[in-house]
């Protein structure tokens, strides 16, 4: 099975800890031996100079990337940073319950916009892979 989620609204944060963006997808594996392959794309704009942005994918409350640095990072020094982050992860949840995967981001403290381009759509896709 393949399921997708999209988001066509903007999300703004100054959080230095990972926070949910609202871009998520739910999937219910058919067997505990199944794996779930998750792909997410996102657009980030730091609105300022000298900024760092990190993004990651969570399954419920579990960060599937590095605890501090997530899965993707962008850095800018002296210039406005606009970047696309594409992430993928092969998860082994060992579950047949409904699972929610969501993109989280964090910043170095300045205001960062997620999916701020007018009319843009970001997406996340989850695919069950049978064992």
Foldseek 3Di string as FASTA:
>chain_A
DKDKFKDQDKDKDQAQAWDFGPAKDKDFDPALQKKKKKKWKWKKKLVDAFKKKAKAKAWVPRTPADRRRHFDMDGGHPDIDIDMDMDMDIGNRSGRDMIMMTMIMHMPGGMMMMNPDHRDMIMMMMDIDHD
